[in-house]
Amino acid sequence: MYRFLLTPRWWGINVFAVLAIPFCIFMGSWQLSRFDDRVASHHQQENRSADAKAAAPRPLESLLPVDQVTSGRQASARGRYDTGHQLLVPGRILQGKHGDQQGFYVLTLLRTDSGKALPVVRGWLPGDANAKADTAKVPAPPKGEVTVTGALQASENEGTSGVQAGGGLPKGQLGMISAASLVNIVPYGIYDAWITLADPPAPLHAVPPAAAEGSGLDMKAFQNLGYTGEWFVFAGFVVFMWFRLVRREAEAAKDAALGILPEESHRAVAGGSESESGGGGGDVTAGDEVPAGR
């Protein structure tokens, strides 16, 4: 009954199923391992963040470039604030006691002895960066040489939450904290990193450091989990369709062995129906008279 499985057509179907099922399982397992890696990285980043808060600050240069290990570490730098280039970063949300609040970052560039400047987020204020009443609350940066300490952060990009990469902001505002966006604003070099102060001056609120990119349970992590389910569903679908095709072919072979041919039976039934409908009005009995033509 199942000899049809050895026909050339079924050889192609069988080879496809044998190759497709393990491939789908492999891809699903790989996506699941990616999700597990992101979960483990998330836990490691949480542990690093806790350790970084308790660790003593280290010089900025020793922590560059920023990666998943150095992100969030306490960094220290010495220099003078560039009071002529204080910038506001609008559209930033900070979680408070009463939920998320809309506000803006206050960013000031620290000119270090190396010649480069370090972007320093001195804090966050609720309100609108375009409203004079809100911006008037921003305290002036300290004058003279200072030493700042804060959590080290990598430069933002277009995928960072809150970033306004489209431009069109008024003068004195910045949509993305990065060396690329600052290089056209100031006439000196910028570190490809920034820090957020843990103890900002009043009325500024501290900005908590963000997790390093690729180390948190972000949308990409849950995409990996979704792709895992999709690949396993594909594998199950291939198995289901193979059994369904085999069953249909086996039933057709069984009917043929019994002399039941579905196509011929259908034609016979259709032909008989046509004969009955076509001959019903044209039968002539022996007793009927056919009038002669005139």
Foldseek 3Di string as FASTA:
>chain_A
DLPCCPDPVNVVLVVCLVVQQVVLLVLLVVLVVLLVVLVVLQVVLVVLLVVQVVDDADAPVVLPPPDQNQFFHKYKFKAWWPQVQWAKAAQDWDQDPVGIAGWIWTWIWGQGPVFATAIEGLFIFGDGPVDPVRVVQDDGDDGDMDMAIFGKHAWDDPPDPQADPPDPDDPRYHRTGAQVRCPVVDPTGYDRIHGWGCDHDPPGHTDRGDRGPSNHCDPSSVVSVVSSVVSNVSSVVSVVVVVVVSVVVVVCVVCVVVVHDPVVVVVVVVVVVCCCVVCPVPDDDPPDDDDDDD
